[in-house]
Amino acid sequence: MSVRLAAILGLLCFALMPLGVLADTVDQAPSNIEPTQTSLAAVLRHFKTAQGRSDKEFSSYSQDWRVVERGLEGTYREVGLSEDYSAAMILGPFVTRAGRRHGQSWSQNENGLTIKRQGIHQRTDISERALEYALDHPENPGPGVRLLGQSSSPEGAYVMELKPPGGRLEWLFFDQKTGLVVREEEVVAERRETTTYDDYRPVDGQNIAWHFHSSDGRPLNDGDWTLTSMAHDVKIAASDLDIPPDARRLVEFPAGTSRVRLPAQIIRGRIYVRITIDGRGLDFLLDSGASGIALDSTVANELHLPTLGKATQTIAGTFDRSKAVVPLIRVGDLSMRNVVVSTLPFEANTLVSTKIVGLLGFDFLDSAVIRIDYEHGTVDAMDPSQFTPPDNAKPFNVALDDGVPFCSAVLGNQRGEHFLLDTGSSFVVVFSEFANEHPSAVADMGGGRAERIASPDFHGIGVGGNVQQLPVEVSDLQFGGVDFGRQMIYLTHSARALEGEDEDGLIGSPILQYFNVFLDYGRGRVLLQKNALLLSQKGSR
């Protein structure tokens, strides 16, 4: 699969991480592999010859696909010029886009909101570059590339493992007769996805698979793609490849108003917002760790919202997820119209008087500047065009690749660039990959051991279930220009779906509560303003 096609497929998955097989077996090599006398170099040379090459260089191209995914049918169209491209996927009523312009990758979601991607996730690119190198140097293919043998299922295929440093673990099956790839298995977070390729046809000197089918073992997540046309040296205007602005302003302010106090309360570090749909008041969690807006599926049914498409997802547990269009959502004096939301089984009875039935994530947060005042328990939304940051607010850039803000933090003497600033988390969480790479940074200073004795089976609550966590008192935590000294953090265990890939952890309310937090996604930044709680906390040391 091309990098470009993979890019928009990742966009369409949009924080979905379906579980294909158990996490303890997902990394195991395919079964039914027998020894072979054929060399890796011979397999690579055969593939390169079979793949073919054109006698001329093409400056532009277009391709069109018919797509069936998650119970919806639609189309995918991509056009490219030199190194730039633009693609659009239409599945049912939902339209998503992705592209690259002058080296800047971007994506646009179903609500028409555009993100300039910062390249947090590099594993697919690293693996594709490793494969290209191996094809150019078959006698010395580089690290992480090896021939495992020949497969009996599918029959008559050589199996090559691709596991370059920092790249994705995958296996490619090369047909012994044709030399072409007929099957690919790859590990993405905790899932094992299998893609089969067939109907190869020559296009301008190259053999192209006109059909592929992807599956992670759960029928709801199957995808079926059929190429309907491909052309080279087509006429493309450079402006057709420009990065599109947001298709609309999702959040509407009252006329003449640039700042609105939200109906919110902050209790134990979590932010509860009262919204209204069809006259019904509902409590949502303001969650910068959510890549969209989510609504409990039972409530969606009670509101008679038609749902479209269905996929199986795993975060803290496994559940089915669909989409719906809400005609009108009111958040205090703010309005959002025709909002695409995810529907999933989500209820969190964290307080007797507050029943959380949804998440206000990226699509809401991206359309306004949000000010969170943890000290006084208030939340304000401001018109981005009228917002001027306070002089003493410290700005830092964030990467919003997944619709959530990634930023830097330091544990011990180890810096992580991909900690998620997560207003929905009641903890500071460190993911296993960071902990495994930097064990000294998460060495327990004693407090974690004491907490484990008092509560030996500690779990955090996530969408779909619970996540096992290990309390640890780290020697030092630095965030937002502040050295917090010793802090209690929680290490995740057996939670690859929650952790995703290339992520270091979560910075939650135990740290965020010491700032006024400004979420200014439109400018790709977060601003932190120290509050009186921080001054008193530092002064008490």
Protein backbone atom coordinates (compact mmCIF):
# COMPACT_ATOMS: atom_id res chain seq x y z
CA MET A 1 0.00 0.00 0.00
CA SER A 2 1.34 3.46 -0.87
CA VAL A 3 2.28 5.96 1.81
CA ARG A 4 -0.38 8.29 0.42
CA LEU A 5 -3.15 5.72 0.56
CA ALA A 6 -2.05 4.67 4.04
CA ALA A 7 -2.25 8.32 5.13
CA ILE A 8 -5.93 8.71 4.35
CA LEU A 9 -6.72 5.24 5.67
CA GLY A 10 -5.18 6.34 8.96
CA LEU A 11 -7.32 9.48 8.84
CA LEU A 12 -10.47 7.45 8.31
CA CYS A 13 -9.64 5.19 11.20
CA PHE A 14 -9.45 8.44 13.23
CA ALA A 15 -8.49 7.15 16.67
CA LEU A 16 -10.04 3.73 16.03
CA MET A 17 -7.78 0.93 17.18
CA PRO A 18 -9.62 -2.36 16.59
CA LEU A 19 -8.28 -5.49 18.24
CA GLY A 20 -7.64 -8.28 15.75
CA VAL A 21 -5.90 -10.81 17.97
CA LEU A 22 -4.78 -10.99 21.54
CA ALA A 23 -1.94 -8.60 22.38
CA ASP A 24 0.33 -11.42 23.57
CA THR A 25 0.22 -13.08 20.12
CA VAL A 26 0.00 -10.08 17.81
CA ASP A 27 3.79 -9.89 17.36
CA GLN A 28 4.26 -13.56 16.55
CA ALA A 29 5.41 -14.47 13.05
CA PRO A 30 2.84 -16.11 10.75
CA SER A 31 2.37 -19.84 11.20
CA ASN A 32 2.68 -22.54 8.53
CA ILE A 33 6.10 -21.36 7.35
CA GLU A 34 8.52 -23.96 6.03
CA PRO A 35 12.26 -23.67 5.24
CA THR A 36 13.31 -22.68 1.74
CA GLN A 37 16.50 -22.83 -0.28
CA THR A 38 15.67 -19.56 -2.01
CA SER A 39 17.59 -16.49 -0.89
CA LEU A 40 16.13 -13.16 0.18
CA ALA A 41 18.06 -11.46 -2.60
CA ALA A 42 16.40 -13.70 -5.20
CA VAL A 43 12.93 -12.92 -3.80
CA LEU A 44 13.58 -9.17 -3.84
CA ARG A 45 14.95 -9.22 -7.37
CA HIS A 46 11.98 -11.25 -8.60
CA PHE A 47 9.54 -8.81 -7.01
CA LYS A 48 11.27 -5.75 -8.46
CA THR A 49 11.22 -7.27 -11.93
CA ALA A 50 7.58 -8.36 -11.58
CA GLN A 51 6.52 -4.97 -10.27
CA GLY A 52 7.85 -3.39 -13.42
CA ARG A 53 8.79 0.17 -14.17
CA SER A 54 7.73 2.78 -16.63
CA ASP A 55 9.98 3.92 -19.45
CA LYS A 56 9.18 7.54 -18.65
CA GLU A 57 8.70 9.75 -15.63
CA PHE A 58 5.18 11.03 -15.01
CA SER A 59 4.67 14.48 -13.57
CA SER A 60 1.11 13.90 -12.39
CA TYR A 61 -1.44 11.15 -11.79
CA SER A 62 -4.99 10.43 -10.68
CA GLN A 63 -6.59 7.32 -9.24
CA ASP A 64 -10.15 6.41 -8.30
CA TRP A 65 -11.34 3.60 -6.05
CA ARG A 66 -14.64 2.07 -5.07
CA VAL A 67 -14.66 1.47 -1.31
CA VAL A 68 -16.71 -0.61 1.12
CA GLU A 69 -15.80 -0.10 4.78
CA ARG A 70 -17.54 -0.38 8.14
CA GLY A 71 -20.91 -1.01 6.54
CA LEU A 72 -20.68 2.04 4.26
CA GLU A 73 -20.01 2.34 0.55
CA GLY A 74 -18.23 5.16 -1.19
CA THR A 75 -15.33 6.39 -3.26
CA TYR A 76 -11.73 7.50 -2.87
CA ARG A 77 -10.08 9.87 -5.33
CA GLU A 78 -6.45 10.99 -5.26
CA VAL A 79 -4.56 13.34 -7.54
CA GLY A 80 -0.86 14.12 -7.34
CA LEU A 81 1.67 16.45 -8.91
CA SER A 82 5.37 15.88 -8.26
CA GLU A 83 5.65 15.31 -4.47
CA ASP A 84 2.28 16.91 -3.65
CA TYR A 85 -1.07 15.14 -3.54
CA SER A 86 -4.66 15.64 -2.44
CA ALA A 87 -7.19 12.90 -1.67
CA ALA A 88 -10.86 12.73 -0.73
CA MET A 89 -12.85 9.84 0.70
CA ILE A 90 -16.65 9.77 0.60
CA LEU A 91 -18.25 7.05 2.72
CA GLY A 92 -22.01 7.39 2.93
CA PRO A 93 -22.64 11.03 3.91
CA PHE A 94 -19.18 11.50 5.42
CA VAL A 95 -16.32 13.22 3.62
CA THR A 96 -12.70 13.19 4.81
CA ARG A 97 -9.61 14.52 3.08
CA ALA A 98 -5.84 14.26 3.34
CA GLY A 99 -2.82 15.44 1.42
CA ARG A 100 0.65 16.90 1.32
CA ARG A 101 1.67 20.30 0.01
CA HIS A 102 5.27 21.55 -0.11
CA GLY A 103 6.26 18.90 2.42
CA GLN A 104 3.41 19.71 4.85
CA SER A 105 1.00 16.82 5.44
CA TRP A 106 -2.58 17.64 6.39
CA SER A 107 -5.94 16.03 7.05
CA GLN A 108 -9.54 17.21 7.25
CA ASN A 109 -12.17 15.34 9.26
CA GLU A 110 -15.90 14.76 8.77
CA ASN A 111 -16.78 18.11 10.33
CA GLY A 112 -14.56 19.94 7.87
CA LEU A 113 -11.78 20.80 10.33
CA THR A 114 -8.23 20.80 8.96
CA ILE A 115 -5.08 19.73 10.82
CA LYS A 116 -1.53 20.39 9.68
CA ARG A 117 0.18 17.20 10.75
CA GLN A 118 3.57 17.29 12.48
CA GLY A 119 4.67 13.73 11.74
CA ILE A 120 4.40 12.14 15.18
CA HIS A 121 3.84 8.70 13.70
CA GLN A 122 6.82 7.60 11.58
CA ARG A 123 6.71 3.82 11.74
CA THR A 124 5.00 3.23 8.42
CA ASP A 125 7.34 5.66 6.64
CA ILE A 126 10.40 4.02 8.22
CA SER A 127 9.27 0.57 7.11
CA GLU A 128 8.51 1.74 3.58
CA ARG A 129 11.93 3.37 3.29
CA ALA A 130 13.52 0.16 4.60
CA LEU A 131 11.69 -1.85 1.94
CA GLU A 132 12.78 0.56 -0.80
CA TYR A 133 16.38 0.26 0.38
CA ALA A 134 16.17 -3.53 0.42
CA LEU A 135 14.83 -3.58 -3.15
CA ASP A 136 17.72 -1.38 -4.28
CA HIS A 137 20.30 -3.43 -2.34
CA PRO A 138 19.04 -7.03 -2.43
CA GLU A 139 22.45 -8.51 -1.50
CA ASN A 140 22.71 -6.26 1.57
CA PRO A 141 19.11 -5.29 2.41
CA GLY A 142 19.79 -3.56 5.73
CA PRO A 143 18.75 -4.25 9.33
CA GLY A 144 15.40 -5.80 10.17
CA VAL A 145 14.81 -7.44 6.79
CA ARG A 146 14.93 -11.24 6.61
CA LEU A 147 13.37 -14.14 4.73
CA LEU A 148 11.48 -16.49 7.06
CA GLY A 149 10.78 -19.22 4.52
CA GLN A 150 7.88 -20.29 2.32
CA SER A 151 4.25 -20.42 3.33
CA SER A 152 1.75 -23.21 2.90
CA SER A 153 -1.12 -20.72 3.43
CA PRO A 154 -1.30 -19.00 1.05
CA GLU A 155 0.33 -21.82 -0.84
CA GLY A 156 3.45 -21.06 -2.81
CA ALA A 157 4.50 -17.76 -1.22
CA TYR A 158 7.81 -16.62 0.24
CA VAL A 159 7.47 -14.77 3.56
CA MET A 160 9.70 -11.82 4.37
CA GLU A 161 9.74 -10.14 7.78
CA LEU A 162 10.23 -6.37 7.89
CA LYS A 163 11.20 -4.94 11.26
CA PRO A 164 13.58 -1.99 10.82
CA PRO A 165 14.66 -0.04 13.93
CA GLY A 166 11.84 2.35 14.80
CA GLY A 167 9.62 0.96 12.05
CA ARG A 168 6.52 -1.17 11.87
CA LEU A 169 6.59 -4.95 12.25
CA GLU A 170 5.11 -6.56 9.16
CA TRP A 171 5.31 -9.63 6.96
CA LEU A 172 5.10 -9.65 3.16
CA PHE A 173 4.04 -12.72 1.17
CA PHE A 174 5.53 -12.90 -2.36
CA ASP A 175 3.90 -15.27 -4.83
CA GLN A 176 6.56 -17.75 -5.96
CA LYS A 177 5.33 -17.79 -9.57
CA THR A 178 4.60 -14.11 -10.23
CA GLY A 179 6.95 -12.51 -7.67
CA LEU A 180 4.19 -10.06 -6.66
CA VAL A 181 2.94 -9.34 -3.14
CA VAL A 182 -0.30 -11.22 -2.48
CA ARG A 183 -0.60 -10.71 1.28
CA GLU A 184 0.62 -8.34 3.96
CA GLU A 185 0.32 -8.64 7.72
CA GLU A 186 1.24 -5.69 9.90
CA VAL A 187 1.08 -4.81 13.59
CA VAL A 188 -0.53 -1.48 14.44
CA ALA A 189 -0.58 -0.83 18.21
CA GLU A 190 -2.34 -3.93 19.55
CA ARG A 191 -3.93 -5.11 16.33
CA ARG A 192 -2.81 -7.41 13.55
CA GLU A 193 -4.19 -6.31 10.20
CA THR A 194 -4.07 -8.54 7.12
CA THR A 195 -4.37 -7.19 3.57
CA THR A 196 -4.65 -9.43 0.52
CA TYR A 197 -3.89 -8.16 -3.01
CA ASP A 198 -5.11 -9.52 -6.34
CA ASP A 199 -6.25 -8.60 -9.85
CA TYR A 200 -2.85 -7.27 -10.89
CA ARG A 201 -2.93 -5.36 -14.18
CA PRO A 202 -0.26 -3.47 -16.11
CA VAL A 203 -0.59 0.31 -16.03
CA ASP A 204 1.99 2.25 -18.02
CA GLY A 205 4.60 -0.44 -17.51
CA GLN A 206 3.88 -1.22 -13.85
CA ASN A 207 1.85 -4.08 -12.36
CA ILE A 208 -0.81 -2.63 -10.06
CA ALA A 209 -3.19 -4.53 -7.76
CA TRP A 210 -6.67 -3.36 -8.74
CA HIS A 211 -8.24 -4.94 -5.68
CA PHE A 212 -7.29 -5.39 -2.03
CA HIS A 213 -9.14 -6.52 1.07
CA SER A 214 -8.15 -5.69 4.64
CA SER A 215 -9.23 -7.44 7.83
CA ASP A 216 -8.26 -7.53 11.49
CA GLY A 217 -10.36 -10.61 12.22
CA ARG A 218 -13.54 -8.69 13.04
CA PRO A 219 -16.03 -8.45 10.16
CA LEU A 220 -17.21 -4.96 11.08
CA ASN A 221 -13.71 -3.61 10.43
CA ASP A 222 -13.19 -5.20 7.01
CA GLY A 223 -12.33 -2.91 4.12
CA ASP A 224 -12.66 -3.70 0.41
CA TRP A 225 -11.06 -1.47 -2.23
CA THR A 226 -11.38 -1.77 -6.00
CA LEU A 227 -9.45 0.46 -8.38
CA THR A 228 -11.73 1.86 -11.09
CA SER A 229 -9.31 4.12 -12.96
CA MET A 230 -5.69 5.24 -12.97
CA ALA A 231 -4.08 7.77 -15.30
CA HIS A 232 -0.76 9.58 -15.63
CA ASP A 233 0.18 12.99 -17.00
CA VAL A 234 -3.29 14.31 -16.23
CA LYS A 235 -3.97 18.03 -16.03
CA ILE A 236 -3.92 19.20 -12.38
CA ALA A 237 -4.01 22.80 -11.26
CA ALA A 238 -1.50 23.56 -8.52
CA SER A 239 -4.28 25.26 -6.56
CA ASP A 240 -6.15 21.93 -6.41
CA LEU A 241 -3.38 20.69 -4.12
CA ASP A 242 -3.39 23.62 -1.69
CA ILE A 243 -4.09 22.88 1.97
CA PRO A 244 -7.79 23.64 2.49
CA PRO A 245 -8.87 25.91 5.33
CA ASP A 246 -11.54 24.70 7.73
CA ALA A 247 -14.68 24.09 5.67
CA ARG A 248 -16.74 25.88 8.29
CA ARG A 249 -16.65 27.41 11.72
CA LEU A 250 -18.29 24.73 13.82
CA VAL A 251 -18.82 26.73 17.02
CA GLU A 252 -21.13 29.73 16.66
CA PHE A 253 -20.93 32.63 19.13
CA PRO A 254 -23.91 34.90 19.85
CA ALA A 255 -23.95 38.05 17.73
CA GLY A 256 -21.67 40.72 19.18
CA THR A 257 -20.16 38.32 21.74
CA SER A 258 -16.54 37.17 21.73
CA ARG A 259 -16.37 35.43 25.11
CA VAL A 260 -18.80 32.99 26.69
CA ARG A 261 -18.72 31.40 30.16
CA LEU A 262 -19.55 27.72 29.73
CA PRO A 263 -21.96 25.84 32.02
CA ALA A 264 -19.10 23.86 33.52
CA GLN A 265 -17.83 22.72 36.87
CA ILE A 266 -14.42 21.36 37.79
CA ILE A 267 -14.52 18.64 40.43
CA ARG A 268 -11.45 16.66 41.44
CA GLY A 269 -9.65 17.93 38.38
CA ARG A 270 -12.23 16.79 35.84
CA ILE A 271 -14.28 19.25 33.79
CA TYR A 272 -18.02 18.59 33.47
CA VAL A 273 -19.94 20.59 30.87
CA ARG A 274 -23.71 20.75 30.54
CA ILE A 275 -24.85 20.61 26.92
CA THR A 276 -28.31 20.51 25.34
CA ILE A 277 -29.51 18.30 22.47
CA ASP A 278 -33.13 18.50 21.37
CA GLY A 279 -34.07 20.20 24.64
CA ARG A 280 -32.44 17.53 26.81
CA GLY A 281 -29.65 18.51 29.20
CA LEU A 282 -26.66 16.16 29.16
CA ASP A 283 -23.36 16.10 31.04
CA PHE A 284 -20.21 15.78 28.93
CA LEU A 285 -16.56 15.62 29.90
CA LEU A 286 -14.37 18.35 28.41
CA ASP A 287 -11.61 16.10 27.15
CA SER A 288 -8.58 17.32 25.22
CA GLY A 289 -7.57 13.66 25.00
CA ALA A 290 -10.57 12.90 22.75
CA SER A 291 -10.10 13.21 19.00
CA GLY A 292 -13.72 14.22 18.37
CA ILE A 293 -17.12 14.49 20.00
CA ALA A 294 -18.59 11.27 21.40
CA LEU A 295 -22.10 10.46 22.61
CA ASP A 296 -23.31 7.43 24.51
CA SER A 297 -25.09 5.11 22.07
CA THR A 298 -28.06 4.56 24.40
CA VAL A 299 -28.63 8.31 24.63
CA ALA A 300 -28.30 8.58 20.84
CA ASN A 301 -31.09 6.03 20.49
CA GLU A 302 -33.26 7.89 23.03
CA LEU A 303 -32.75 11.06 20.99
CA HIS A 304 -33.78 9.14 17.83
CA LEU A 305 -30.51 9.95 16.08
CA PRO A 306 -29.93 7.64 13.08
CA THR A 307 -26.51 5.98 13.25
CA LEU A 308 -24.42 5.10 10.22
CA GLY A 309 -21.61 2.60 9.82
CA LYS A 310 -20.20 0.43 12.53
CA ALA A 311 -16.71 -0.60 13.62
CA THR A 312 -15.24 -2.50 16.54
CA GLN A 313 -12.86 -0.47 18.67
CA THR A 314 -10.65 -1.09 21.64
CA ILE A 315 -9.44 1.56 24.08
CA ALA A 316 -9.76 0.44 27.70
CA GLY A 317 -12.16 -2.27 26.53
CA THR A 318 -13.75 -3.45 23.30
CA PHE A 319 -17.00 -2.01 21.93
CA ASP A 320 -18.81 -1.12 18.71
CA ARG A 321 -18.76 2.44 17.43
CA SER A 322 -20.95 4.22 14.88
CA LYS A 323 -21.46 7.79 13.70
CA ALA A 324 -24.43 10.13 13.81
CA VAL A 325 -25.23 13.68 12.75
CA VAL A 326 -26.68 15.88 15.51
CA PRO A 327 -28.72 18.76 14.04
CA LEU A 328 -28.03 21.15 16.93
CA ILE A 329 -25.85 21.08 20.04
CA ARG A 330 -25.95 23.96 22.50
CA VAL A 331 -23.16 24.55 25.00
CA GLY A 332 -24.47 27.41 27.07
CA ASP A 333 -24.79 30.33 24.64
CA LEU A 334 -22.73 28.56 21.97
CA SER A 335 -24.25 26.56 19.13
CA MET A 336 -22.98 23.80 16.82
CA ARG A 337 -25.07 22.64 13.86
CA ASN A 338 -25.09 19.36 11.92
CA VAL A 339 -22.28 17.92 13.99
CA VAL A 340 -20.82 14.52 13.12
CA VAL A 341 -20.31 12.62 16.40
CA SER A 342 -19.24 9.12 17.35
CA THR A 343 -21.72 6.97 19.22
CA LEU A 344 -20.42 4.33 21.60
CA PRO A 345 -21.36 2.67 24.90
CA PHE A 346 -20.04 5.29 27.29
CA GLU A 347 -21.31 6.13 30.73
CA ALA A 348 -19.24 7.23 33.70
CA ASN A 349 -21.06 7.76 36.97
CA THR A 350 -18.25 9.64 38.64
CA LEU A 351 -20.53 11.75 40.81
CA VAL A 352 -23.94 11.07 42.30
CA SER A 353 -25.41 14.16 40.60
CA THR A 354 -23.43 13.91 37.35
CA LYS A 355 -23.87 11.14 34.80
CA ILE A 356 -21.32 11.57 32.02
CA VAL A 357 -22.73 10.47 28.66
CA GLY A 358 -20.26 11.99 26.23
CA LEU A 359 -16.98 13.69 25.46
CA LEU A 360 -16.34 17.18 24.11
CA GLY A 361 -13.07 16.75 22.29
CA PHE A 362 -11.20 18.11 19.29
CA ASP A 363 -14.08 19.25 17.08
CA PHE A 364 -15.39 21.56 19.82
CA LEU A 365 -11.99 22.63 21.15
CA ASP A 366 -10.62 23.42 17.68
CA SER A 367 -13.34 25.96 16.93
CA ALA A 368 -12.71 28.33 19.83
CA VAL A 369 -10.00 29.30 22.26
CA ILE A 370 -10.83 27.52 25.52
CA ARG A 371 -9.64 28.95 28.85
CA ILE A 372 -9.68 26.54 31.81
CA ASP A 373 -9.31 28.15 35.24
CA TYR A 374 -8.69 25.27 37.62
CA GLU A 375 -8.26 27.58 40.62
CA HIS A 376 -11.73 29.12 40.36
CA GLY A 377 -13.47 26.22 38.59
CA THR A 378 -14.51 28.10 35.45
CA VAL A 379 -14.24 27.49 31.71
CA ASP A 380 -14.57 30.16 29.01
CA ALA A 381 -14.77 29.96 25.22
CA MET A 382 -13.34 32.87 23.25
CA ASP A 383 -13.63 33.89 19.63
CA PRO A 384 -10.20 33.05 18.13
CA SER A 385 -10.24 36.19 15.97
CA GLN A 386 -10.63 38.36 19.08
CA PHE A 387 -8.26 36.47 21.39
CA THR A 388 -5.16 38.16 22.77
CA PRO A 389 -3.12 36.01 25.16
CA PRO A 390 -2.15 37.36 28.58
CA ASP A 391 1.39 38.70 28.82
CA ASN A 392 2.39 36.15 31.46
CA ALA A 393 0.99 33.11 29.64
CA LYS A 394 3.74 30.79 28.40
CA PRO A 395 2.99 29.47 24.89
CA PHE A 396 4.31 26.23 23.47
CA ASN A 397 3.54 24.51 20.22
CA VAL A 398 1.61 21.27 20.19
CA ALA A 399 1.24 18.55 17.56
CA LEU A 400 -2.41 17.82 16.80
CA ASP A 401 -1.83 14.93 14.37
CA ASP A 402 -4.47 12.71 16.01
CA GLY A 403 -6.75 15.58 17.01
CA VAL A 404 -5.19 15.69 20.48
CA PRO A 405 -2.40 17.99 21.75
CA PHE A 406 1.02 16.38 22.14
CA CYS A 407 3.71 18.35 23.95
CA SER A 408 6.94 17.81 25.89
CA ALA A 409 7.60 16.87 29.51
CA VAL A 410 10.65 15.70 31.47
CA LEU A 411 10.71 12.76 33.90
CA GLY A 412 13.94 12.37 35.83
CA ASN A 413 16.48 13.47 33.25
CA GLN A 414 14.57 12.05 30.25
CA ARG A 415 12.61 14.28 27.92
CA GLY A 416 9.56 12.99 26.06
CA GLU A 417 8.18 15.02 23.15
CA HIS A 418 4.87 13.18 22.84
CA PHE A 419 3.07 13.53 26.15
CA LEU A 420 -0.63 14.15 25.65
CA LEU A 421 -2.06 17.16 27.48
CA ASP A 422 -5.24 15.47 28.67
CA THR A 423 -7.92 17.40 30.54
CA GLY A 424 -9.92 14.17 30.77
CA SER A 425 -7.30 12.36 32.85
CA SER A 426 -7.25 12.40 36.65
CA PHE A 427 -3.66 11.12 36.65
CA VAL A 428 -0.25 11.63 35.18
CA VAL A 429 0.25 8.46 33.16
CA VAL A 430 3.45 7.11 31.59
CA PHE A 431 3.10 4.59 28.79
CA SER A 432 5.09 1.38 28.73
CA GLU A 433 7.23 2.23 25.68
CA PHE A 434 8.67 5.34 27.36
CA ALA A 435 9.10 3.45 30.63
CA ASN A 436 10.89 0.55 28.93
CA GLU A 437 13.25 2.90 27.10
CA HIS A 438 13.98 5.01 30.19
CA PRO A 439 13.73 2.78 33.29
CA SER A 440 15.72 5.18 35.47
CA ALA A 441 13.19 7.96 34.78
CA VAL A 442 10.38 5.90 36.30
CA ALA A 443 12.30 4.41 39.23
CA ASP A 444 10.11 4.45 42.34
CA MET A 445 11.25 6.73 45.16
CA GLY A 446 9.14 4.83 47.69
CA GLY A 447 5.70 6.41 47.46
CA GLY A 448 4.53 4.09 44.71
CA ARG A 449 5.45 1.02 46.70
CA ALA A 450 3.47 2.32 49.67
CA GLU A 451 0.44 2.98 47.49
CA ARG A 452 0.65 -0.49 45.96
CA ILE A 453 0.58 -2.01 49.42
CA ALA A 454 -2.51 0.02 50.30
CA SER A 455 -4.21 -0.66 46.93
CA PRO A 456 -2.61 -3.69 45.26
CA ASP A 457 -5.01 -3.87 42.29
CA PHE A 458 -5.14 -0.32 41.00
CA HIS A 459 -7.03 0.44 37.77
CA GLY A 460 -7.78 3.57 35.82
CA ILE A 461 -11.12 4.03 34.08
CA GLY A 462 -11.15 4.42 30.31
CA VAL A 463 -13.68 4.21 27.48
CA GLY A 464 -14.90 0.64 27.32
CA GLY A 465 -13.42 -0.63 30.59
CA ASN A 466 -10.55 -0.40 33.05
CA VAL A 467 -6.80 -0.15 32.52
CA GLN A 468 -4.31 -1.74 34.89
CA GLN A 469 -1.89 0.86 36.26
CA LEU A 470 1.16 0.75 38.51
CA PRO A 471 1.69 3.71 40.88
CA VAL A 472 5.26 5.05 40.97
CA GLU A 473 6.74 8.07 42.71
CA VAL A 474 9.26 9.56 40.26
CA SER A 475 12.19 11.69 41.36
CA ASP A 476 11.27 14.71 39.24
CA LEU A 477 8.68 15.95 36.77
CA GLN A 478 9.03 19.10 34.69
CA PHE A 479 6.23 20.55 32.60
CA GLY A 480 5.37 23.96 31.23
CA GLY A 481 8.58 25.51 32.53
CA VAL A 482 7.89 24.34 36.09
CA ASP A 483 9.89 21.80 38.09
CA PHE A 484 7.35 19.92 40.19
CA GLY A 485 9.91 17.73 41.96
CA ARG A 486 8.73 14.33 43.14
CA GLN A 487 5.39 13.30 41.68
CA MET A 488 3.14 10.26 41.73
CA ILE A 489 2.62 8.88 38.24
CA TYR A 490 0.96 5.71 36.96
CA LEU A 491 2.51 3.24 34.55
CA THR A 492 0.18 1.47 32.13
CA HIS A 493 0.41 -2.27 31.73
CA SER A 494 -1.01 -4.42 28.90
CA ALA A 495 -2.76 -1.38 27.39
CA ARG A 496 -1.40 -1.07 23.86
CA ALA A 497 -4.76 0.10 22.49
CA LEU A 498 -4.89 2.99 24.97
CA GLU A 499 -1.23 3.85 24.44
CA GLY A 500 -1.39 3.89 20.67
CA GLU A 501 2.00 4.31 19.03
CA ASP A 502 4.85 6.78 19.47
CA GLU A 503 3.18 8.28 22.55
CA ASP A 504 4.87 8.86 25.91
CA GLY A 505 1.98 9.32 28.31
CA LEU A 506 -0.69 11.68 29.66
CA ILE A 507 -0.32 14.93 31.58
CA GLY A 508 -3.56 15.16 33.54
CA SER A 509 -5.18 17.32 36.18
CA PRO A 510 -2.62 16.73 39.00
CA ILE A 511 -0.27 18.98 36.96
CA LEU A 512 -2.70 21.04 34.88
CA GLN A 513 -4.53 22.27 37.99
CA TYR A 514 -1.64 24.65 38.72
CA PHE A 515 -2.25 26.67 35.55
CA ASN A 516 -4.84 28.60 33.67
CA VAL A 517 -4.80 26.53 30.48
CA PHE A 518 -5.56 28.12 27.11
CA LEU A 519 -6.27 25.65 24.30
CA ASP A 520 -5.60 27.60 21.10
CA TYR A 521 -5.72 24.81 18.51
CA GLY A 522 -6.29 27.16 15.59
CA ARG A 523 -2.76 28.50 16.09
CA GLY A 524 -1.37 25.09 16.97
CA ARG A 525 -0.49 26.00 20.54
CA VAL A 526 -1.37 25.76 24.21
CA LEU A 527 -0.68 28.56 26.68
CA LEU A 528 -0.06 28.03 30.39
CA GLN A 529 -0.49 30.79 32.96
CA LYS A 530 0.68 30.00 36.49
CA ASN A 531 -2.05 30.39 39.09
CA ALA A 532 -2.13 30.99 42.84
CA LEU A 533 -2.37 27.24 43.53
CA LEU A 534 1.08 26.79 42.00
CA LEU A 535 2.55 29.68 43.94
CA SER A 536 1.21 28.30 47.23
CA GLN A 537 2.31 24.75 46.35
CA LYS A 538 5.83 25.92 45.53
CA GLY A 539 5.93 28.11 48.58
CA SER A 540 4.99 25.22 50.88
CA ARG A 541 8.12 23.28 49.93
